Amino acid sequence: MSPEQIAVWVGFAATLMIFSYVLGDNFLYRLALYVFVGLAAGFVTIITIQSAILPWLNSTILAPDADLLVRIVGLVPIVLALLLLIKTSPRFGRLGNLALAFIVGIGTAVAVVGAVSGTLLPLTNASTTLIVSDVANGVIVLLGVVSTLVYFTYVARRVPGQVSPTGRRGPFVGAVSMIGKGFIVATLGALYGGAILTGLTIFSERIAFIIARLSGG
């Protein structure tokens, strides 16, 4: 039996083990899941070392012609990683908060900039262009965007007889938020249906590939 045939049989067995989840949680499904997670973790670790860590070290700390500033910059990720490891210690765990704050701050800034430049501004431009070219669809898109944003807006109003303000919405805001809820439900339903269709397509393609390989095609 050739290595390719062995790989096909292993893939066929793994596919059946994953598909056995339709009968309920069982040992075969969990075994396939653990193997997949372990292989994925090992693959990500190898790719990270070869594509990120080693090139960074070779271009900063281990570079023969690097000056002092470049070497100091190269030590920053290593120091942050060590601080994150120290966070597991009950005594010195607070030192890891510095690295965690740095990572969260940089990640938040990148996420905000990406959301504004990559989502909000293109969505605004596309909505404006659609309203100009197609009024009906443009109004629907504008209504969906506005009502969805209103749905996630909570304004506390003080009710007579209560000390603390409550989250009661006004009639207009409540009506608009209900429209936004309808748009959210329709969007999630479409995404869920698309995910199911994609999964069935991948599964059928995988089964056809295995059958073709096993039959010698």
C-alpha atoms as a PDB file:
ATOM      1  CA  MET A   1       0.000   0.000   0.000  1.00  0.00           C
ATOM      2  CA  SER A   2       1.426   3.334  -1.094  1.00  0.00           C
ATOM      3  CA  PRO A   3       1.682   6.361   1.229  1.00  0.00           C
ATOM      4  CA  GLU A   4      -1.024   8.093  -0.804  1.00  0.00           C
ATOM      5  CA  GLN A   5      -3.442   5.215  -0.221  1.00  0.00           C
ATOM      6  CA  ILE A   6      -2.620   5.207   3.486  1.00  0.00           C
ATOM      7  CA  ALA A   7      -3.354   8.945   3.620  1.00  0.00           C
ATOM      8  CA  VAL A   8      -6.689   8.386   1.841  1.00  0.00           C
ATOM      9  CA  TRP A   9      -7.718   5.667   4.311  1.00  0.00           C
ATOM     10  CA  VAL A  10      -6.685   7.838   7.263  1.00  0.00           C
ATOM     11  CA  GLY A  11      -8.679  10.740   5.855  1.00  0.00           C
ATOM     12  CA  PHE A  12     -11.666   8.462   5.298  1.00  0.00           C
ATOM     13  CA  ALA A  13     -11.480   7.190   8.882  1.00  0.00           C
ATOM     14  CA  ALA A  14     -11.115  10.732  10.249  1.00  0.00           C
ATOM     15  CA  THR A  15     -14.116  11.865   8.198  1.00  0.00           C
ATOM     16  CA  LEU A  16     -16.267   9.059   9.591  1.00  0.00           C
ATOM     17  CA  MET A  17     -15.062   9.814  13.119  1.00  0.00           C
ATOM     18  CA  ILE A  18     -16.051  13.467  12.768  1.00  0.00           C
ATOM     19  CA  PHE A  19     -19.339  12.554  11.113  1.00  0.00           C
ATOM     20  CA  SER A  20     -20.157  10.204  14.015  1.00  0.00           C
ATOM     21  CA  TYR A  21     -21.048  13.300  16.031  1.00  0.00           C
ATOM     22  CA  VAL A  22     -24.522  13.172  14.453  1.00  0.00           C
ATOM     23  CA  LEU A  23     -25.109  10.116  16.684  1.00  0.00           C
ATOM     24  CA  GLY A  24     -24.047  12.062  19.764  1.00  0.00           C
ATOM     25  CA  ASP A  25     -20.832  12.908  21.555  1.00  0.00           C
ATOM     26  CA  ASN A  26     -18.622   9.824  21.548  1.00  0.00           C
ATOM     27  CA  PHE A  27     -15.020   8.704  21.957  1.00  0.00           C
ATOM     28  CA  LEU A  28     -14.237   8.543  18.214  1.00  0.00           C
ATOM     29  CA  TYR A  29     -15.402  12.115  17.636  1.00  0.00           C
ATOM     30  CA  ARG A  30     -13.393  13.429  20.586  1.00  0.00           C
ATOM     31  CA  LEU A  31     -10.329  11.459  19.485  1.00  0.00           C
ATOM     32  CA  ALA A  32     -10.496  12.956  15.986  1.00  0.00           C
ATOM     33  CA  LEU A  33     -11.046  16.397  17.506  1.00  0.00           C
ATOM     34  CA  TYR A  34      -8.046  16.056  19.822  1.00  0.00           C
ATOM     35  CA  VAL A  35      -5.842  14.879  16.965  1.00  0.00           C
ATOM     36  CA  PHE A  36      -6.971  17.788  14.805  1.00  0.00           C
ATOM     37  CA  VAL A  37      -6.407  20.347  17.569  1.00  0.00           C
ATOM     38  CA  GLY A  38      -2.979  18.895  18.362  1.00  0.00           C
ATOM     39  CA  LEU A  39      -1.889  18.890  14.732  1.00  0.00           C
ATOM     40  CA  ALA A  40      -3.220  22.417  14.239  1.00  0.00           C
ATOM     41  CA  ALA A  41      -1.398  23.654  17.354  1.00  0.00           C
ATOM     42  CA  GLY A  42       1.840  22.015  16.247  1.00  0.00           C
ATOM     43  CA  PHE A  43       1.503  23.410  12.730  1.00  0.00           C
ATOM     44  CA  VAL A  44       0.822  26.930  14.024  1.00  0.00           C
ATOM     45  CA  THR A  45       3.790  26.677  16.385  1.00  0.00           C
ATOM     46  CA  ILE A  46       6.153  25.611  13.610  1.00  0.00           C
ATOM     47  CA  ILE A  47       4.898  28.312  11.238  1.00  0.00           C
ATOM     48  CA  THR A  48       5.182  30.941  13.968  1.00  0.00           C
ATOM     49  CA  ILE A  49       8.769  29.980  14.765  1.00  0.00           C
ATOM     50  CA  GLN A  50       9.878  29.778  11.130  1.00  0.00           C
ATOM     51  CA  SER A  51       7.921  32.735   9.755  1.00  0.00           C
ATOM     52  CA  ALA A  52       7.910  35.191  12.668  1.00  0.00           C
ATOM     53  CA  ILE A  53      10.284  34.474  15.548  1.00  0.00           C
ATOM     54  CA  LEU A  54      13.416  33.374  13.664  1.00  0.00           C
ATOM     55  CA  PRO A  55      13.216  36.135  10.992  1.00  0.00           C
ATOM     56  CA  TRP A  56      12.678  38.714  13.754  1.00  0.00           C
ATOM     57  CA  LEU A  57      15.701  37.491  15.719  1.00  0.00           C
ATOM     58  CA  ASN A  58      17.879  37.264  12.614  1.00  0.00           C
ATOM     59  CA  SER A  59      16.994  40.813  11.578  1.00  0.00           C
ATOM     60  CA  THR A  60      17.384  42.410  15.029  1.00  0.00           C
ATOM     61  CA  ILE A  61      19.288  40.697  17.836  1.00  0.00           C
ATOM     62  CA  LEU A  62      21.303  38.214  15.766  1.00  0.00           C
ATOM     63  CA  ALA A  63      21.980  40.595  12.883  1.00  0.00           C
ATOM     64  CA  PRO A  64      25.765  41.096  12.594  1.00  0.00           C
ATOM     65  CA  ASP A  65      25.511  44.742  11.497  1.00  0.00           C
ATOM     66  CA  ALA A  66      22.652  45.793  13.825  1.00  0.00           C
ATOM     67  CA  ASP A  67      23.227  48.760  16.113  1.00  0.00           C
ATOM     68  CA  LEU A  68      22.273  49.001  19.783  1.00  0.00           C
ATOM     69  CA  LEU A  69      18.834  50.535  19.155  1.00  0.00           C
ATOM     70  CA  VAL A  70      17.828  47.732  16.783  1.00  0.00           C
ATOM     71  CA  ARG A  71      18.923  45.108  19.303  1.00  0.00           C
ATOM     72  CA  ILE A  72      16.915  46.819  22.055  1.00  0.00           C
ATOM     73  CA  VAL A  73      13.836  46.864  19.834  1.00  0.00           C
ATOM     74  CA  GLY A  74      14.408  43.188  19.131  1.00  0.00           C
ATOM     75  CA  LEU A  75      14.319  42.446  22.861  1.00  0.00           C
ATOM     76  CA  VAL A  76      10.865  44.016  23.340  1.00  0.00           C
ATOM     77  CA  PRO A  77       8.808  40.966  22.214  1.00  0.00           C
ATOM     78  CA  ILE A  78      11.016  38.660  24.291  1.00  0.00           C
ATOM     79  CA  VAL A  79      10.524  40.807  27.401  1.00  0.00           C
ATOM     80  CA  LEU A  80       6.759  40.890  26.830  1.00  0.00           C
ATOM     81  CA  ALA A  81       6.671  37.112  26.422  1.00  0.00           C
ATOM     82  CA  LEU A  82       8.606  36.649  29.663  1.00  0.00           C
ATOM     83  CA  LEU A  83       6.218  38.989  31.460  1.00  0.00           C
ATOM     84  CA  LEU A  84       3.275  36.938  30.216  1.00  0.00           C
ATOM     85  CA  LEU A  85       4.937  33.792  31.537  1.00  0.00           C
ATOM     86  CA  ILE A  86       5.517  35.493  34.895  1.00  0.00           C
ATOM     87  CA  LYS A  87       1.771  36.169  35.070  1.00  0.00           C
ATOM     88  CA  THR A  88       1.271  32.497  35.950  1.00  0.00           C
ATOM     89  CA  SER A  89       3.143  33.094  39.206  1.00  0.00           C
ATOM     90  CA  PRO A  90       0.920  34.090  42.159  1.00  0.00           C
ATOM     91  CA  ARG A  91       3.679  36.259  43.622  1.00  0.00           C
ATOM     92  CA  PHE A  92       4.894  38.142  40.540  1.00  0.00           C
ATOM     93  CA  GLY A  93       1.758  37.834  38.433  1.00  0.00           C
ATOM     94  CA  ARG A  94       1.117  41.579  38.492  1.00  0.00           C
ATOM     95  CA  LEU A  95       4.191  42.179  36.356  1.00  0.00           C
ATOM     96  CA  GLY A  96       2.453  40.339  33.544  1.00  0.00           C
ATOM     97  CA  ASN A  97      -0.262  42.999  33.515  1.00  0.00           C
ATOM     98  CA  LEU A  98       2.202  45.369  31.832  1.00  0.00           C
ATOM     99  CA  ALA A  99       2.577  43.065  28.840  1.00  0.00           C
ATOM    100  CA  LEU A 100      -1.147  42.338  28.833  1.00  0.00           C
ATOM    101  CA  ALA A 101      -1.987  46.054  28.899  1.00  0.00           C
ATOM    102  CA  PHE A 102       0.435  46.685  26.041  1.00  0.00           C
ATOM    103  CA  ILE A 103      -1.044  43.886  23.926  1.00  0.00           C
ATOM    104  CA  VAL A 104      -4.646  44.866  24.653  1.00  0.00           C
ATOM    105  CA  GLY A 105      -3.942  48.539  23.947  1.00  0.00           C
ATOM    106  CA  ILE A 106      -2.226  47.855  20.631  1.00  0.00           C
ATOM    107  CA  GLY A 107      -4.902  45.338  19.653  1.00  0.00           C
ATOM    108  CA  THR A 108      -7.709  47.752  20.512  1.00  0.00           C
ATOM    109  CA  ALA A 109      -6.107  50.572  18.532  1.00  0.00           C
ATOM    110  CA  VAL A 110      -5.614  48.326  15.504  1.00  0.00           C
ATOM    111  CA  ALA A 111      -9.193  47.030  15.789  1.00  0.00           C
ATOM    112  CA  VAL A 112     -10.664  50.545  16.012  1.00  0.00           C
ATOM    113  CA  VAL A 113      -8.644  51.826  13.072  1.00  0.00           C
ATOM    114  CA  GLY A 114      -9.516  48.725  11.055  1.00  0.00           C
ATOM    115  CA  ALA A 115     -13.204  49.003  11.887  1.00  0.00           C
ATOM    116  CA  VAL A 116     -13.367  52.690  10.950  1.00  0.00           C
ATOM    117  CA  SER A 117     -11.252  52.536   7.792  1.00  0.00           C
ATOM    118  CA  GLY A 118     -12.224  49.045   6.676  1.00  0.00           C
ATOM    119  CA  THR A 119     -15.907  48.844   7.640  1.00  0.00           C
ATOM    120  CA  LEU A 120     -17.604  52.103   8.635  1.00  0.00           C
ATOM    121  CA  LEU A 121     -16.202  54.363   5.919  1.00  0.00           C
ATOM    122  CA  PRO A 122     -16.636  51.833   3.050  1.00  0.00           C
ATOM    123  CA  LEU A 123     -20.151  51.054   4.326  1.00  0.00           C
ATOM    124  CA  THR A 124     -21.018  54.749   4.409  1.00  0.00           C
ATOM    125  CA  ASN A 125     -19.670  55.313   0.900  1.00  0.00           C
ATOM    126  CA  ALA A 126     -21.447  52.226  -0.436  1.00  0.00           C
ATOM    127  CA  SER A 127     -24.733  53.234   1.206  1.00  0.00           C
ATOM    128  CA  THR A 128     -24.477  56.751  -0.201  1.00  0.00           C
ATOM    129  CA  THR A 129     -23.717  55.448  -3.689  1.00  0.00           C
ATOM    130  CA  LEU A 130     -26.571  52.935  -3.469  1.00  0.00           C
ATOM    131  CA  ILE A 131     -29.046  55.591  -2.333  1.00  0.00           C
ATOM    132  CA  VAL A 132     -28.121  57.783  -5.289  1.00  0.00           C
ATOM    133  CA  SER A 133     -28.295  54.959  -7.856  1.00  0.00           C
ATOM    134  CA  ASP A 134     -31.134  52.856  -6.396  1.00  0.00           C
ATOM    135  CA  VAL A 135     -33.395  54.702  -4.004  1.00  0.00           C
ATOM    136  CA  ALA A 136     -35.472  51.715  -2.835  1.00  0.00           C
ATOM    137  CA  ASN A 137     -32.551  49.417  -1.998  1.00  0.00           C
ATOM    138  CA  GLY A 138     -30.596  52.351  -0.611  1.00  0.00           C
ATOM    139  CA  VAL A 139     -33.396  53.200   1.803  1.00  0.00           C
ATOM    140  CA  ILE A 140     -33.587  49.555   2.938  1.00  0.00           C
ATOM    141  CA  VAL A 141     -29.831  49.431   3.533  1.00  0.00           C
ATOM    142  CA  LEU A 142     -29.892  52.758   5.379  1.00  0.00           C
ATOM    143  CA  LEU A 143     -32.836  51.624   7.499  1.00  0.00           C
ATOM    144  CA  GLY A 144     -31.069  48.361   8.329  1.00  0.00           C
ATOM    145  CA  VAL A 145     -27.841  50.096   9.355  1.00  0.00           C
ATOM    146  CA  VAL A 146     -29.531  52.776  11.465  1.00  0.00           C
ATOM    147  CA  SER A 147     -32.030  50.454  13.137  1.00  0.00           C
ATOM    148  CA  THR A 148     -29.341  47.887  13.933  1.00  0.00           C
ATOM    149  CA  LEU A 149     -27.179  50.556  15.557  1.00  0.00           C
ATOM    150  CA  VAL A 150     -30.196  51.804  17.515  1.00  0.00           C
ATOM    151  CA  TYR A 151     -30.901  48.252  18.698  1.00  0.00           C
ATOM    152  CA  PHE A 152     -27.522  48.189  20.446  1.00  0.00           C
ATOM    153  CA  THR A 153     -28.100  51.612  22.008  1.00  0.00           C
ATOM    154  CA  TYR A 154     -29.335  51.612  25.602  1.00  0.00           C
ATOM    155  CA  VAL A 155     -30.461  54.895  27.103  1.00  0.00           C
ATOM    156  CA  ALA A 156     -31.437  54.888  30.778  1.00  0.00           C
ATOM    157  CA  ARG A 157     -34.502  56.917  31.687  1.00  0.00           C
ATOM    158  CA  ARG A 158     -35.445  57.894  35.200  1.00  0.00           C
ATOM    159  CA  VAL A 159     -38.832  56.503  36.209  1.00  0.00           C
ATOM    160  CA  PRO A 160     -40.788  58.347  38.914  1.00  0.00           C
ATOM    161  CA  GLY A 161     -40.612  56.478  42.201  1.00  0.00           C
ATOM    162  CA  GLN A 162     -37.298  54.719  41.445  1.00  0.00           C
ATOM    163  CA  VAL A 163     -33.964  55.843  42.799  1.00  0.00           C
ATOM    164  CA  SER A 164     -31.725  54.519  40.017  1.00  0.00           C
ATOM    165  CA  PRO A 165     -32.417  55.023  36.300  1.00  0.00           C
ATOM    166  CA  THR A 166     -33.704  52.052  34.332  1.00  0.00           C
ATOM    167  CA  GLY A 167     -33.068  50.897  30.791  1.00  0.00           C
ATOM    168  CA  ARG A 168     -36.555  51.651  29.502  1.00  0.00           C
ATOM    169  CA  ARG A 169     -36.631  52.809  25.901  1.00  0.00           C
ATOM    170  CA  GLY A 170     -38.921  55.404  24.481  1.00  0.00           C
ATOM    171  CA  PRO A 171     -41.678  54.411  22.033  1.00  0.00           C
ATOM    172  CA  PHE A 172     -39.829  55.668  18.952  1.00  0.00           C
ATOM    173  CA  VAL A 173     -36.484  54.138  19.931  1.00  0.00           C
ATOM    174  CA  GLY A 174     -38.231  50.890  20.862  1.00  0.00           C
ATOM    175  CA  ALA A 175     -39.968  50.688  17.479  1.00  0.00           C
ATOM    176  CA  VAL A 176     -36.743  51.383  15.574  1.00  0.00           C
ATOM    177  CA  SER A 177     -34.846  48.842  17.675  1.00  0.00           C
ATOM    178  CA  MET A 178     -37.461  46.198  16.868  1.00  0.00           C
ATOM    179  CA  ILE A 179     -36.847  46.832  13.172  1.00  0.00           C
ATOM    180  CA  GLY A 180     -33.130  46.468  13.792  1.00  0.00           C
ATOM    181  CA  LYS A 181     -33.782  43.213  15.638  1.00  0.00           C
ATOM    182  CA  GLY A 182     -35.586  41.926  12.556  1.00  0.00           C
ATOM    183  CA  PHE A 183     -32.606  42.804  10.356  1.00  0.00           C
ATOM    184  CA  ILE A 184     -30.242  41.068  12.803  1.00  0.00           C
ATOM    185  CA  VAL A 185     -32.397  37.911  12.859  1.00  0.00           C
ATOM    186  CA  ALA A 186     -32.549  37.835   9.046  1.00  0.00           C
ATOM    187  CA  THR A 187     -28.778  38.331   8.781  1.00  0.00           C
ATOM    188  CA  LEU A 188     -27.965  35.614  11.324  1.00  0.00           C
ATOM    189  CA  GLY A 189     -30.417  33.251   9.624  1.00  0.00           C
ATOM    190  CA  ALA A 190     -28.795  33.843   6.242  1.00  0.00           C
ATOM    191  CA  LEU A 191     -25.315  33.323   7.712  1.00  0.00           C
ATOM    192  CA  TYR A 192     -26.401  30.134   9.463  1.00  0.00           C
ATOM    193  CA  GLY A 193     -28.019  28.797   6.296  1.00  0.00           C
ATOM    194  CA  GLY A 194     -24.906  29.646   4.312  1.00  0.00           C
ATOM    195  CA  ALA A 195     -22.724  27.878   6.873  1.00  0.00           C
ATOM    196  CA  ILE A 196     -24.864  24.744   6.658  1.00  0.00           C
ATOM    197  CA  LEU A 197     -24.781  24.756   2.848  1.00  0.00           C
ATOM    198  CA  THR A 198     -21.019  25.292   2.874  1.00  0.00           C
ATOM    199  CA  GLY A 199     -20.527  22.433   5.320  1.00  0.00           C
ATOM    200  CA  LEU A 200     -22.685  20.082   3.227  1.00  0.00           C
ATOM    201  CA  THR A 201     -20.802  21.082   0.078  1.00  0.00           C
ATOM    202  CA  ILE A 202     -17.420  20.443   1.690  1.00  0.00           C
ATOM    203  CA  PHE A 203     -18.607  17.140   3.125  1.00  0.00           C
ATOM    204  CA  SER A 204     -20.038  15.898  -0.178  1.00  0.00           C
ATOM    205  CA  GLU A 205     -16.877  16.966  -2.014  1.00  0.00           C
ATOM    206  CA  ARG A 206     -14.756  15.150   0.559  1.00  0.00           C
ATOM    207  CA  ILE A 207     -16.822  11.966   0.267  1.00  0.00           C
ATOM    208  CA  ALA A 208     -16.612  12.123  -3.553  1.00  0.00           C
ATOM    209  CA  PHE A 209     -12.828  12.603  -3.343  1.00  0.00           C
ATOM    210  CA  ILE A 210     -12.400   9.630  -1.006  1.00  0.00           C
ATOM    211  CA  ILE A 211     -14.613   7.394  -3.119  1.00  0.00           C
ATOM    212  CA  ALA A 212     -12.716   8.370  -6.259  1.00  0.00           C
ATOM    213  CA  ARG A 213      -9.379   7.650  -4.575  1.00  0.00           C
ATOM    214  CA  LEU A 214     -10.480   4.330  -3.153  1.00  0.00           C
ATOM    215  CA  SER A 215     -11.869   3.217  -6.509  1.00  0.00           C
ATOM    216  CA  GLY A 216      -8.600   4.135  -8.229  1.00  0.00           C
ATOM    217  CA  GLY A 217     -10.037   7.074 -10.139  1.00  0.00           C
END
